[in-house]
């Protein structure tokens, strides 16, 4: 605590893919969502990412709750849903896509 390096910056705008990995009883499930990162302020220490989706946020939150997905998502730049689908197929992991 209070030593070392910590990078604090908001994410840059542009297309982003969000990924969630959730354990089940005997394996993992992956979920992906796609949107557009939009400019944001440093609303909390770390790396804030604000995303605009093509569907209403209430639909997305409902989907997350209905599927039992986790509340931590990883964000990566660009549309990488196809490579994620390929990876999931190779690993035999279920992939849920919202967008």
PDB file of N, CA and C in Angstrom:
ATOM      1  N   UNK A   1       0.833  -1.168   0.000  1.00  0.00           N
ATOM      2  CA  UNK A   1       0.000   0.000   0.000  1.00  0.00           C
ATOM      3  C   UNK A   1       0.886   1.243   0.000  1.00  0.00           C
ATOM      4  N   UNK A   2       0.504   2.235  -0.771  1.00  0.00           N
ATOM      5  CA  UNK A   2       1.216   3.510  -0.855  1.00  0.00           C
ATOM      6  C   UNK A   2       2.643   3.373  -1.389  1.00  0.00           C
ATOM      7  N   UNK A   3       2.906   2.316  -2.171  1.00  0.00           N
ATOM      8  CA  UNK A   3       4.215   2.198  -2.810  1.00  0.00           C
ATOM      9  C   UNK A   3       4.024   1.537  -4.161  1.00  0.00           C
ATOM     10  N   UNK A   4       4.943   1.767  -5.060  1.00  0.00           N
ATOM     11  CA  UNK A   4       4.853   1.168  -6.381  1.00  0.00           C
ATOM     12  C   UNK A   4       4.214   2.124  -7.377  1.00  0.00           C
ATOM     13  N   UNK A   5       3.880   1.573  -8.537  1.00  0.00           N
ATOM     14  CA  UNK A   5       3.354   2.377  -9.632  1.00  0.00           C
ATOM     15  C   UNK A   5       1.879   2.059  -9.839  1.00  0.00           C
ATOM     16  N   UNK A   6       1.090   3.090 -10.053  1.00  0.00           N
ATOM     17  CA  UNK A   6      -0.325   2.921 -10.368  1.00  0.00           C
ATOM     18  C   UNK A   6      -0.642   3.856 -11.523  1.00  0.00           C
ATOM     19  N   UNK A   7      -1.132   3.304 -12.638  1.00  0.00           N
ATOM     20  CA  UNK A   7      -1.505   4.116 -13.793  1.00  0.00           C
ATOM     21  C   UNK A   7      -2.978   4.495 -13.683  1.00  0.00           C
ATOM     22  N   UNK A   8      -3.240   5.787 -13.732  1.00  0.00           N
ATOM     23  CA  UNK A   8      -4.607   6.286 -13.651  1.00  0.00           C
ATOM     24  C   UNK A   8      -4.920   7.022 -14.953  1.00  0.00           C
ATOM     25  N   UNK A   9      -5.852   6.497 -15.732  1.00  0.00           N
ATOM     26  CA  UNK A   9      -6.226   7.162 -16.976  1.00  0.00           C
ATOM     27  C   UNK A   9      -7.583   6.645 -17.430  1.00  0.00           C
ATOM     28  N   UNK A  10      -8.401   7.527 -17.994  1.00  0.00           N
ATOM     29  CA  UNK A  10      -9.651   7.045 -18.588  1.00  0.00           C
ATOM     30  C   UNK A  10      -9.350   6.364 -19.918  1.00  0.00           C
ATOM     31  N   UNK A  11     -10.152   5.384 -20.258  1.00  0.00           N
ATOM     32  CA  UNK A  11      -9.961   4.655 -21.524  1.00  0.00           C
ATOM     33  C   UNK A  11     -10.252   5.579 -22.707  1.00  0.00           C
ATOM     34  N   UNK A  12      -9.639   5.288 -23.837  1.00  0.00           N
ATOM     35  CA  UNK A  12      -9.842   6.127 -25.015  1.00  0.00           C
ATOM     36  C   UNK A  12     -11.133   5.735 -25.730  1.00  0.00           C
ATOM     37  N   UNK A  13     -11.769   6.673 -26.404  1.00  0.00           N
ATOM     38  CA  UNK A  13     -12.989   6.376 -27.156  1.00  0.00           C
ATOM     39  C   UNK A  13     -12.725   5.449 -28.337  1.00  0.00           C
ATOM     40  N   UNK A  14     -13.747   4.688 -28.707  1.00  0.00           N
ATOM     41  CA  UNK A  14     -13.661   3.801 -29.862  1.00  0.00           C
ATOM     42  C   UNK A  14     -14.445   2.522 -29.630  1.00  0.00           C
ATOM     43  N   UNK A  15     -14.513   1.659 -30.647  1.00  0.00           N
ATOM     44  CA  UNK A  15     -15.234   0.390 -30.519  1.00  0.00           C
ATOM     45  C   UNK A  15     -14.575  -0.504 -29.475  1.00  0.00           C
ATOM     46  N   UNK A  16     -15.397  -1.148 -28.641  1.00  0.00           N
ATOM     47  CA  UNK A  16     -14.883  -2.036 -27.611  1.00  0.00           C
ATOM     48  C   UNK A  16     -15.733  -3.301 -27.506  1.00  0.00           C
ATOM     49  N   UNK A  17     -15.072  -4.383 -27.152  1.00  0.00           N
ATOM     50  CA  UNK A  17     -15.745  -5.633 -26.831  1.00  0.00           C
ATOM     51  C   UNK A  17     -15.560  -5.861 -25.339  1.00  0.00           C
ATOM     52  N   UNK A  18     -16.664  -6.174 -24.663  1.00  0.00           N
ATOM     53  CA  UNK A  18     -16.616  -6.483 -23.240  1.00  0.00           C
ATOM     54  C   UNK A  18     -16.770  -7.987 -23.070  1.00  0.00           C
ATOM     55  N   UNK A  19     -15.994  -8.565 -22.174  1.00  0.00           N
ATOM     56  CA  UNK A  19     -15.985 -10.007 -21.947  1.00  0.00           C
ATOM     57  C   UNK A  19     -16.182 -10.300 -20.470  1.00  0.00           C
ATOM     58  N   UNK A  20     -17.021 -11.289 -20.192  1.00  0.00           N
ATOM     59  CA  UNK A  20     -17.275 -11.743 -18.832  1.00  0.00           C
ATOM     60  C   UNK A  20     -17.054 -13.243 -18.809  1.00  0.00           C
ATOM     61  N   UNK A  21     -16.316 -13.734 -17.833  1.00  0.00           N
ATOM     62  CA  UNK A  21     -16.083 -15.173 -17.679  1.00  0.00           C
ATOM     63  C   UNK A  21     -16.648 -15.575 -16.326  1.00  0.00           C
ATOM     64  N   UNK A  22     -17.589 -16.518 -16.359  1.00  0.00           N
ATOM     65  CA  UNK A  22     -18.301 -16.931 -15.155  1.00  0.00           C
ATOM     66  C   UNK A  22     -18.147 -18.429 -14.944  1.00  0.00           C
ATOM     67  N   UNK A  23     -17.777 -18.866 -13.748  1.00  0.00           N
ATOM     68  CA  UNK A  23     -17.691 -20.307 -13.502  1.00  0.00           C
ATOM     69  C   UNK A  23     -19.082 -20.924 -13.350  1.00  0.00           C
ATOM     70  N   UNK A  24     -19.194 -22.170 -13.782  1.00  0.00           N
ATOM     71  CA  UNK A  24     -20.379 -22.977 -13.505  1.00  0.00           C
ATOM     72  C   UNK A  24     -19.909 -24.120 -12.610  1.00  0.00           C
ATOM     73  N   UNK A  25     -20.745 -25.099 -12.376  1.00  0.00           N
ATOM     74  CA  UNK A  25     -20.340 -26.203 -11.504  1.00  0.00           C
ATOM     75  C   UNK A  25     -19.153 -26.989 -12.057  1.00  0.00           C
ATOM     76  N   UNK A  26     -19.086 -27.155 -13.383  1.00  0.00           N
ATOM     77  CA  UNK A  26     -18.037 -28.010 -13.946  1.00  0.00           C
ATOM     78  C   UNK A  26     -17.229 -27.363 -15.069  1.00  0.00           C
ATOM     79  N   UNK A  27     -17.455 -26.100 -15.352  1.00  0.00           N
ATOM     80  CA  UNK A  27     -16.726 -25.441 -16.430  1.00  0.00           C
ATOM     81  C   UNK A  27     -16.895 -23.936 -16.311  1.00  0.00           C
ATOM     82  N   UNK A  28     -16.603 -23.231 -17.377  1.00  0.00           N
ATOM     83  CA  UNK A  28     -16.792 -21.783 -17.424  1.00  0.00           C
ATOM     84  C   UNK A  28     -17.725 -21.425 -18.571  1.00  0.00           C
ATOM     85  N   UNK A  29     -18.337 -20.250 -18.461  1.00  0.00           N
ATOM     86  CA  UNK A  29     -19.107 -19.665 -19.556  1.00  0.00           C
ATOM     87  C   UNK A  29     -18.508 -18.298 -19.851  1.00  0.00           C
ATOM     88  N   UNK A  30     -18.575 -17.913 -21.111  1.00  0.00           N
ATOM     89  CA  UNK A  30     -18.119 -16.587 -21.507  1.00  0.00           C
ATOM     90  C   UNK A  30     -19.312 -15.822 -22.050  1.00  0.00           C
ATOM     91  N   UNK A  31     -19.321 -14.521 -21.826  1.00  0.00           N
ATOM     92  CA  UNK A  31     -20.338 -13.651 -22.391  1.00  0.00           C
ATOM     93  C   UNK A  31     -19.641 -12.444 -22.997  1.00  0.00           C
ATOM     94  N   UNK A  32     -20.117 -12.015 -24.164  1.00  0.00           N
ATOM     95  CA  UNK A  32     -19.514 -10.877 -24.848  1.00  0.00           C
ATOM     96  C   UNK A  32     -20.585  -9.847 -25.181  1.00  0.00           C
ATOM     97  N   UNK A  33     -20.171  -8.607 -25.188  1.00  0.00           N
ATOM     98  CA  UNK A  33     -21.037  -7.509 -25.569  1.00  0.00           C
ATOM     99  C   UNK A  33     -20.173  -6.507 -26.316  1.00  0.00           C
ATOM    100  N   UNK A  34     -20.764  -5.797 -27.237  1.00  0.00           N
ATOM    101  CA  UNK A  34     -20.017  -4.863 -28.076  1.00  0.00           C
ATOM    102  C   UNK A  34     -20.641  -3.484 -27.978  1.00  0.00           C
ATOM    103  N   UNK A  35     -19.807  -2.465 -27.944  1.00  0.00           N
ATOM    104  CA  UNK A  35     -20.304  -1.102 -27.899  1.00  0.00           C
ATOM    105  C   UNK A  35     -19.227  -0.108 -28.276  1.00  0.00           C
ATOM    106  N   UNK A  36     -19.494   1.142 -27.985  1.00  0.00           N
ATOM    107  CA  UNK A  36     -18.591   2.237 -28.319  1.00  0.00           C
ATOM    108  C   UNK A  36     -18.155   2.922 -27.028  1.00  0.00           C
ATOM    109  N   UNK A  37     -16.850   2.894 -26.758  1.00  0.00           N
ATOM    110  CA  UNK A  37     -16.320   3.623 -25.606  1.00  0.00           C
ATOM    111  C   UNK A  37     -16.458   5.113 -25.896  1.00  0.00           C
ATOM    112  N   UNK A  38     -16.972   5.845 -24.922  1.00  0.00           N
ATOM    113  CA  UNK A  38     -17.163   7.283 -25.090  1.00  0.00           C
ATOM    114  C   UNK A  38     -16.310   8.016 -24.060  1.00  0.00           C
ATOM    115  N   UNK A  39     -15.994   9.290 -24.343  1.00  0.00           N
ATOM    116  CA  UNK A  39     -15.153  10.042 -23.400  1.00  0.00           C
ATOM    117  C   UNK A  39     -15.762  10.065 -22.000  1.00  0.00           C
ATOM    118  N   UNK A  40     -14.897   9.963 -21.005  1.00  0.00           N
ATOM    119  CA  UNK A  40     -15.336  10.025 -19.612  1.00  0.00           C
ATOM    120  C   UNK A  40     -14.276  10.715 -18.771  1.00  0.00           C
ATOM    121  N   UNK A  41     -14.696  11.203 -17.648  1.00  0.00           N
ATOM    122  CA  UNK A  41     -13.766  11.814 -16.704  1.00  0.00           C
ATOM    123  C   UNK A  41     -13.193  10.731 -15.802  1.00  0.00           C
ATOM    124  N   UNK A  42     -12.226  11.126 -14.992  1.00  0.00           N
ATOM    125  CA  UNK A  42     -11.652  10.222 -14.003  1.00  0.00           C
ATOM    126  C   UNK A  42     -12.641  10.147 -12.843  1.00  0.00           C
ATOM    127  N   UNK A  43     -13.688   9.332 -13.005  1.00  0.00           N
ATOM    128  CA  UNK A  43     -14.764   9.274 -12.021  1.00  0.00           C
ATOM    129  C   UNK A  43     -14.402   8.429 -10.809  1.00  0.00           C
ATOM    130  N   UNK A  44     -13.361   7.624 -10.935  1.00  0.00           N
ATOM    131  CA  UNK A  44     -12.824   6.869  -9.802  1.00  0.00           C
ATOM    132  C   UNK A  44     -11.378   6.537 -10.120  1.00  0.00           C
ATOM    133  N   UNK A  45     -10.543   6.289  -9.127  1.00  0.00           N
ATOM    134  CA  UNK A  45      -9.136   5.947  -9.392  1.00  0.00           C
ATOM    135  C   UNK A  45      -9.046   4.630 -10.154  1.00  0.00           C
ATOM    136  N   UNK A  46      -8.278   4.612 -11.200  1.00  0.00           N
ATOM    137  CA  UNK A  46      -8.096   3.397 -11.991  1.00  0.00           C
ATOM    138  C   UNK A  46      -8.193   3.694 -13.466  1.00  0.00           C
ATOM    139  N   UNK A  47      -9.001   2.912 -14.162  1.00  0.00           N
ATOM    140  CA  UNK A  47      -9.147   3.047 -15.608  1.00  0.00           C
ATOM    141  C   UNK A  47     -10.623   3.016 -15.991  1.00  0.00           C
ATOM    142  N   UNK A  48     -11.353   4.118 -15.751  1.00  0.00           N
ATOM    143  CA  UNK A  48     -12.777   4.113 -16.066  1.00  0.00           C
ATOM    144  C   UNK A  48     -13.036   3.945 -17.560  1.00  0.00           C
ATOM    145  N   UNK A  49     -14.058   3.176 -17.853  1.00  0.00           N
ATOM    146  CA  UNK A  49     -14.481   2.926 -19.231  1.00  0.00           C
ATOM    147  C   UNK A  49     -15.991   3.106 -19.274  1.00  0.00           C
ATOM    148  N   UNK A  50     -16.458   4.043 -20.069  1.00  0.00           N
ATOM    149  CA  UNK A  50     -17.896   4.286 -20.237  1.00  0.00           C
ATOM    150  C   UNK A  50     -18.255   3.852 -21.653  1.00  0.00           C
ATOM    151  N   UNK A  51     -19.269   2.975 -21.769  1.00  0.00           N
ATOM    152  CA  UNK A  51     -19.606   2.381 -23.062  1.00  0.00           C
ATOM    153  C   UNK A  51     -21.052   2.692 -23.421  1.00  0.00           C
ATOM    154  N   UNK A  52     -21.268   3.072 -24.674  1.00  0.00           N
ATOM    155  CA  UNK A  52     -22.609   3.246 -25.227  1.00  0.00           C
ATOM    156  C   UNK A  52     -22.918   2.008 -26.072  1.00  0.00           C
ATOM    157  N   UNK A  53     -24.058   1.395 -25.772  1.00  0.00           N
ATOM    158  CA  UNK A  53     -24.489   0.201 -26.503  1.00  0.00           C
ATOM    159  C   UNK A  53     -25.594   0.570 -27.476  1.00  0.00           C
ATOM    160  N   UNK A  54     -25.828  -0.296 -28.469  1.00  0.00           N
ATOM    161  CA  UNK A  54     -26.890  -0.039 -29.438  1.00  0.00           C
ATOM    162  C   UNK A  54     -28.269  -0.326 -28.841  1.00  0.00           C
ATOM    163  N   UNK A  55     -28.334  -1.145 -27.796  1.00  0.00           N
ATOM    164  CA  UNK A  55     -29.613  -1.414 -27.144  1.00  0.00           C
ATOM    165  C   UNK A  55     -29.676  -0.675 -25.811  1.00  0.00           C
ATOM    166  N   UNK A  56     -30.861  -0.574 -25.247  1.00  0.00           N
ATOM    167  CA  UNK A  56     -31.091   0.117 -23.992  1.00  0.00           C
ATOM    168  C   UNK A  56     -30.349  -0.578 -22.854  1.00  0.00           C
ATOM    169  N   UNK A  57     -29.753   0.202 -21.972  1.00  0.00           N
ATOM    170  CA  UNK A  57     -28.975  -0.377 -20.873  1.00  0.00           C
ATOM    171  C   UNK A  57     -29.829  -1.284 -19.986  1.00  0.00           C
ATOM    172  N   UNK A  58     -31.130  -1.010 -19.890  1.00  0.00           N
ATOM    173  CA  UNK A  58     -31.996  -1.860 -19.067  1.00  0.00           C
ATOM    174  C   UNK A  58     -32.111  -3.260 -19.663  1.00  0.00           C
ATOM    175  N   UNK A  59     -32.111  -3.354 -20.991  1.00  0.00           N
ATOM    176  CA  UNK A  59     -32.123  -4.666 -21.642  1.00  0.00           C
ATOM    177  C   UNK A  59     -30.837  -5.429 -21.337  1.00  0.00           C
ATOM    178  N   UNK A  60     -29.722  -4.716 -21.358  1.00  0.00           N
ATOM    179  CA  UNK A  60     -28.426  -5.348 -21.085  1.00  0.00           C
ATOM    180  C   UNK A  60     -28.353  -5.809 -19.635  1.00  0.00           C
ATOM    181  N   UNK A  61     -28.788  -4.956 -18.702  1.00  0.00           N
ATOM    182  CA  UNK A  61     -28.774  -5.354 -17.293  1.00  0.00           C
ATOM    183  C   UNK A  61     -29.713  -6.534 -17.052  1.00  0.00           C
ATOM    184  N   UNK A  62     -30.854  -6.560 -17.719  1.00  0.00           N
ATOM    185  CA  UNK A  62     -31.775  -7.689 -17.612  1.00  0.00           C
ATOM    186  C   UNK A  62     -31.157  -8.965 -18.131  1.00  0.00           C
ATOM    187  N   UNK A  63     -30.448  -8.877 -19.260  1.00  0.00           N
ATOM    188  CA  UNK A  63     -29.757 -10.026 -19.842  1.00  0.00           C
ATOM    189  C   UNK A  63     -28.697 -10.544 -18.881  1.00  0.00           C
ATOM    190  N   UNK A  64     -27.910  -9.643 -18.286  1.00  0.00           N
ATOM    191  CA  UNK A  64     -26.870 -10.037 -17.340  1.00  0.00           C
ATOM    192  C   UNK A  64     -27.493 -10.778 -16.157  1.00  0.00           C
ATOM    193  N   UNK A  65     -28.582 -10.239 -15.619  1.00  0.00           N
ATOM    194  CA  UNK A  65     -29.245 -10.875 -14.478  1.00  0.00           C
ATOM    195  C   UNK A  65     -29.867 -12.215 -14.870  1.00  0.00           C
ATOM    196  N   UNK A  66     -30.541 -12.238 -16.012  1.00  0.00           N
ATOM    197  CA  UNK A  66     -31.206 -13.473 -16.465  1.00  0.00           C
ATOM    198  C   UNK A  66     -30.211 -14.608 -16.685  1.00  0.00           C
ATOM    199  N   UNK A  67     -29.048 -14.287 -17.221  1.00  0.00           N
ATOM    200  CA  UNK A  67     -28.039 -15.303 -17.515  1.00  0.00           C
ATOM    201  C   UNK A  67     -27.154 -15.616 -16.311  1.00  0.00           C
ATOM    202  N   UNK A  68     -27.279 -14.849 -15.241  1.00  0.00           N
ATOM    203  CA  UNK A  68     -26.449 -15.077 -14.057  1.00  0.00           C
ATOM    204  C   UNK A  68     -24.989 -14.743 -14.290  1.00  0.00           C
ATOM    205  N   UNK A  69     -24.732 -13.695 -15.050  1.00  0.00           N
ATOM    206  CA  UNK A  69     -23.359 -13.305 -15.372  1.00  0.00           C
ATOM    207  C   UNK A  69     -22.743 -12.513 -14.228  1.00  0.00           C
ATOM    208  N   UNK A  70     -21.429 -12.437 -14.238  1.00  0.00           N
ATOM    209  CA  UNK A  70     -20.714 -11.718 -13.192  1.00  0.00           C
ATOM    210  C   UNK A  70     -20.792 -10.218 -13.376  1.00  0.00           C
ATOM    211  N   UNK A  71     -20.356  -9.483 -12.367  1.00  0.00           N
ATOM    212  CA  UNK A  71     -20.402  -8.027 -12.433  1.00  0.00           C
ATOM    213  C   UNK A  71     -19.063  -7.402 -12.820  1.00  0.00           C
ATOM    214  N   UNK A  72     -18.035  -8.196 -13.025  1.00  0.00           N
ATOM    215  CA  UNK A  72     -16.753  -7.687 -13.512  1.00  0.00           C
ATOM    216  C   UNK A  72     -16.596  -8.072 -14.976  1.00  0.00           C
ATOM    217  N   UNK A  73     -16.345  -7.079 -15.813  1.00  0.00           N
ATOM    218  CA  UNK A  73     -16.180  -7.293 -17.248  1.00  0.00           C
ATOM    219  C   UNK A  73     -14.816  -6.761 -17.676  1.00  0.00           C
ATOM    220  N   UNK A  74     -14.200  -7.443 -18.640  1.00  0.00           N
ATOM    221  CA  UNK A  74     -12.944  -6.990 -19.222  1.00  0.00           C
ATOM    222  C   UNK A  74     -13.256  -6.289 -20.527  1.00  0.00           C
ATOM    223  N   UNK A  75     -12.586  -5.196 -20.791  1.00  0.00           N
ATOM    224  CA  UNK A  75     -12.798  -4.453 -22.025  1.00  0.00           C
ATOM    225  C   UNK A  75     -11.565  -4.488 -22.899  1.00  0.00           C
ATOM    226  N   UNK A  76     -11.775  -4.680 -24.184  1.00  0.00           N
ATOM    227  CA  UNK A  76     -10.688  -4.649 -25.159  1.00  0.00           C
ATOM    228  C   UNK A  76     -11.131  -3.869 -26.379  1.00  0.00           C
ATOM    229  N   UNK A  77     -10.209  -3.185 -27.004  1.00  0.00           N
ATOM    230  CA  UNK A  77     -10.543  -2.338 -28.145  1.00  0.00           C
ATOM    231  C   UNK A  77     -10.783  -3.142 -29.412  1.00  0.00           C
ATOM    232  N   UNK A  78     -11.780  -2.731 -30.161  1.00  0.00           N
ATOM    233  CA  UNK A  78     -12.138  -3.366 -31.420  1.00  0.00           C
ATOM    234  C   UNK A  78     -13.249  -4.385 -31.224  1.00  0.00           C
ATOM    235  N   UNK A  79     -13.714  -4.919 -32.334  1.00  0.00           N
ATOM    236  CA  UNK A  79     -14.754  -5.946 -32.308  1.00  0.00           C
ATOM    237  C   UNK A  79     -14.067  -7.302 -32.408  1.00  0.00           C
ATOM    238  N   UNK A  80     -13.909  -7.970 -31.288  1.00  0.00           N
ATOM    239  CA  UNK A  80     -13.225  -9.267 -31.263  1.00  0.00           C
ATOM    240  C   UNK A  80     -14.193 -10.401 -30.910  1.00  0.00           C
ATOM    241  N   UNK A  81     -15.472 -10.195 -31.206  1.00  0.00           N
ATOM    242  CA  UNK A  81     -16.460 -11.236 -30.911  1.00  0.00           C
ATOM    243  C   UNK A  81     -16.213 -12.503 -31.726  1.00  0.00           C
ATOM    244  N   UNK A  82     -15.812 -12.372 -32.991  1.00  0.00           N
ATOM    245  CA  UNK A  82     -15.554 -13.562 -33.819  1.00  0.00           C
ATOM    246  C   UNK A  82     -14.381 -14.368 -33.266  1.00  0.00           C
ATOM    247  N   UNK A  83     -13.233 -13.753 -32.964  1.00  0.00           N
ATOM    248  CA  UNK A  83     -12.144 -14.525 -32.355  1.00  0.00           C
ATOM    249  C   UNK A  83     -12.535 -15.139 -31.012  1.00  0.00           C
ATOM    250  N   UNK A  84     -13.353 -14.434 -30.220  1.00  0.00           N
ATOM    251  CA  UNK A  84     -13.813 -15.010 -28.960  1.00  0.00           C
ATOM    252  C   UNK A  84     -14.699 -16.224 -29.201  1.00  0.00           C
ATOM    253  N   UNK A  85     -15.547 -16.161 -30.233  1.00  0.00           N
ATOM    254  CA  UNK A  85     -16.391 -17.307 -30.587  1.00  0.00           C
ATOM    255  C   UNK A  85     -15.521 -18.489 -31.022  1.00  0.00           C
ATOM    256  N   UNK A  86     -14.475 -18.212 -31.787  1.00  0.00           N
ATOM    257  CA  UNK A  86     -13.562 -19.279 -32.210  1.00  0.00           C
ATOM    258  C   UNK A  86     -12.863 -19.904 -31.003  1.00  0.00           C
ATOM    259  N   UNK A  87     -12.393 -19.070 -30.081  1.00  0.00           N
ATOM    260  CA  UNK A  87     -11.729 -19.566 -28.877  1.00  0.00           C
ATOM    261  C   UNK A  87     -12.694 -20.410 -28.045  1.00  0.00           C
ATOM    262  N   UNK A  88     -13.910 -19.916 -27.862  1.00  0.00           N
ATOM    263  CA  UNK A  88     -14.896 -20.661 -27.085  1.00  0.00           C
ATOM    264  C   UNK A  88     -15.180 -22.018 -27.716  1.00  0.00           C
ATOM    265  N   UNK A  89     -15.279 -22.063 -29.045  1.00  0.00           N
ATOM    266  CA  UNK A  89     -15.528 -23.332 -29.741  1.00  0.00           C
ATOM    267  C   UNK A  89     -14.360 -24.298 -29.531  1.00  0.00           C
ATOM    268  N   UNK A  90     -13.132 -23.794 -29.623  1.00  0.00           N
ATOM    269  CA  UNK A  90     -11.965 -24.662 -29.429  1.00  0.00           C
ATOM    270  C   UNK A  90     -11.904 -25.204 -28.005  1.00  0.00           C
ATOM    271  N   UNK A  91     -12.323 -24.398 -27.032  1.00  0.00           N
ATOM    272  CA  UNK A  91     -12.261 -24.805 -25.625  1.00  0.00           C
ATOM    273  C   UNK A  91     -13.503 -25.558 -25.173  1.00  0.00           C
ATOM    274  N   UNK A  92     -14.529 -25.567 -26.009  1.00  0.00           N
ATOM    275  CA  UNK A  92     -15.790 -26.195 -25.615  1.00  0.00           C
ATOM    276  C   UNK A  92     -16.520 -25.418 -24.540  1.00  0.00           C
ATOM    277  N   UNK A  93     -16.399 -24.092 -24.605  1.00  0.00           N
ATOM    278  CA  UNK A  93     -16.991 -23.199 -23.624  1.00  0.00           C
ATOM    279  C   UNK A  93     -18.182 -22.499 -24.269  1.00  0.00           C
ATOM    280  N   UNK A  94     -19.271 -22.386 -23.539  1.00  0.00           N
ATOM    281  CA  UNK A  94     -20.437 -21.664 -24.032  1.00  0.00           C
ATOM    282  C   UNK A  94     -20.120 -20.170 -24.120  1.00  0.00           C
ATOM    283  N   UNK A  95     -20.500 -19.550 -25.235  1.00  0.00           N
ATOM    284  CA  UNK A  95     -20.328 -18.102 -25.408  1.00  0.00           C
ATOM    285  C   UNK A  95     -21.675 -17.478 -25.652  1.00  0.00           C
ATOM    286  N   UNK A  96     -22.044 -16.551 -24.803  1.00  0.00           N
ATOM    287  CA  UNK A  96     -23.288 -15.793 -24.956  1.00  0.00           C
ATOM    288  C   UNK A  96     -22.947 -14.439 -25.548  1.00  0.00           C
ATOM    289  N   UNK A  97     -23.701 -13.998 -26.548  1.00  0.00           N
ATOM    290  CA  UNK A  97     -23.511 -12.697 -27.164  1.00  0.00           C
ATOM    291  C   UNK A  97     -24.773 -11.884 -27.016  1.00  0.00           C
ATOM    292  N   UNK A  98     -24.640 -10.650 -26.545  1.00  0.00           N
ATOM    293  CA  UNK A  98     -25.804  -9.775 -26.425  1.00  0.00           C
ATOM    294  C   UNK A  98     -26.002  -8.968 -27.698  1.00  0.00           C
ATOM    295  N   UNK A  99     -24.975  -8.358 -28.196  1.00  0.00           N
ATOM    296  CA  UNK A  99     -25.087  -7.483 -29.366  1.00  0.00           C
ATOM    297  C   UNK A  99     -24.775  -8.260 -30.630  1.00  0.00           C
TER     298      UNK A  99
END
